[in-house]
Structure formats: C-alpha cells, structure tokens
C-alpha cells in the first residue's frame, strides 16, 4: 500500500482546500487514514468532509475524524498483525 504524502507549501494548501476531483486520490487519502490514523494530523486543517467529491467519501472522512478524536491507535488492525 502506498501512503500519500501531502506537500505543505502554499500552493498545495490552496489546492487541498478545493474539492478533490480525482476519485483515486480520495481513495488513497482515505485508505491511508484507515491504515494509519495518525496521518489525520497531516491533513487536519487542510481537508474536511466537504473537500471530497463523493458523498460516501465525505461520510467516511467524517467518521474517521470522529473516531480518531475519541480513540488512540489504528482504526483497522490488519489481520496479519496478530
């Protein structure tokens, strides 16, 4: 699994605040957050549920953010970790 990294320069921040138009990018970001919930810190302040074009992705991002705010550790634990 490739984990997306987000640049922090001004142009990237401006772009991140716009609605994402690439569904694959949305899926990569959400997959990264599900795999490693600490990545939410990387996008907090840059993304919000309305940043996603797909309504399901909006709901999923909101659920991830809400869950991470009240829990520690990964949201999903891969079966191979034990």
Protein backbone atom coordinates (compact mmCIF):
# COMPACT_ATOMS: atom_id res chain seq x y z
CA UNK A 1 0.00 0.00 0.00
CA UNK A 2 1.33 3.42 -0.94
CA UNK A 3 0.77 6.11 1.65
CA UNK A 4 0.11 9.53 0.18
CA UNK A 5 2.18 12.43 1.41
CA UNK A 6 0.92 15.96 1.24
CA UNK A 7 3.20 18.89 0.49
CA UNK A 8 2.86 21.81 2.86
CA UNK A 9 3.72 24.71 0.56
CA UNK A 10 1.14 27.45 -0.01
CA UNK A 11 0.03 26.23 -3.43
CA UNK A 12 -0.60 22.71 -2.14
CA UNK A 13 -2.57 24.02 0.83
CA UNK A 14 -4.71 26.12 -1.50
CA UNK A 15 -5.28 23.14 -3.76
CA UNK A 16 -6.15 20.85 -0.85
CA UNK A 17 -8.86 23.24 0.26
CA UNK A 18 -10.63 22.84 -3.06
CA UNK A 19 -12.84 19.86 -3.73
CA UNK A 20 -10.82 16.86 -4.79
CA UNK A 21 -11.81 15.85 -8.29
CA UNK A 22 -9.80 12.66 -8.56
CA UNK A 23 -11.61 9.70 -7.03
CA UNK A 24 -8.42 7.68 -6.89
CA UNK A 25 -6.78 10.45 -4.85
CA UNK A 26 -9.76 10.47 -2.49
CA UNK A 27 -9.50 6.70 -2.09
CA UNK A 28 -5.75 6.89 -1.42
CA UNK A 29 -6.17 9.53 1.26
CA UNK A 30 -8.99 7.66 2.99
CA UNK A 31 -7.13 4.35 2.74
CA UNK A 32 -4.06 5.94 4.30
CA UNK A 33 -6.17 7.30 7.15
CA UNK A 34 -7.80 3.92 7.77
CA UNK A 35 -4.42 2.18 7.80
CA UNK A 36 -2.64 4.79 9.95
CA UNK A 37 -4.94 7.08 11.90
CA UNK A 38 -2.02 9.28 12.96
CA UNK A 39 -1.95 10.54 9.34
CA UNK A 40 -5.05 12.59 10.18
CA UNK A 41 -2.71 15.13 11.76
CA UNK A 42 -1.13 15.58 8.31
CA UNK A 43 -4.41 16.66 6.74
CA UNK A 44 -6.23 18.31 9.64
CA UNK A 45 -6.84 21.91 8.74
CA UNK A 46 -6.38 21.10 5.05
CA UNK A 47 -9.28 18.73 4.45
CA UNK A 48 -12.80 18.50 5.75
CA UNK A 49 -15.66 16.23 4.69
CA UNK A 50 -16.82 18.76 2.09
CA UNK A 51 -13.39 18.57 0.41
CA UNK A 52 -14.38 15.22 -1.11
CA UNK A 53 -16.47 14.99 -4.28
CA UNK A 54 -18.13 11.67 -3.40
CA UNK A 55 -20.75 11.83 -0.65
CA UNK A 56 -19.66 8.41 0.64
CA UNK A 57 -16.09 9.71 0.95
CA UNK A 58 -17.39 12.76 2.82
CA UNK A 59 -19.18 10.48 5.29
CA UNK A 60 -16.17 8.19 5.63
CA UNK A 61 -13.76 11.09 6.28
CA UNK A 62 -16.15 12.46 8.90
CA UNK A 63 -16.39 9.04 10.56
CA UNK A 64 -12.61 8.64 10.58
CA UNK A 65 -12.09 12.10 12.09
CA UNK A 66 -14.75 11.47 14.73
CA UNK A 67 -13.33 8.06 15.62
CA UNK A 68 -9.74 9.28 15.79
CA UNK A 69 -10.78 12.18 18.04
CA UNK A 70 -12.09 9.69 20.58
CA UNK A 71 -9.62 6.83 20.26
CA UNK A 72 -5.94 6.01 20.07
CA UNK A 73 -4.27 3.59 17.69
CA UNK A 74 -5.19 2.33 14.25
CA UNK A 75 -8.83 2.30 13.19
CA UNK A 76 -8.40 -1.01 11.38
CA UNK A 77 -5.94 -3.62 12.53
CA UNK A 78 -4.68 -5.75 9.69
CA UNK A 79 -5.19 -9.45 10.38
CA UNK A 80 -1.51 -10.15 9.77
CA UNK A 81 -0.50 -8.05 12.82
CA UNK A 82 -1.76 -10.67 15.18
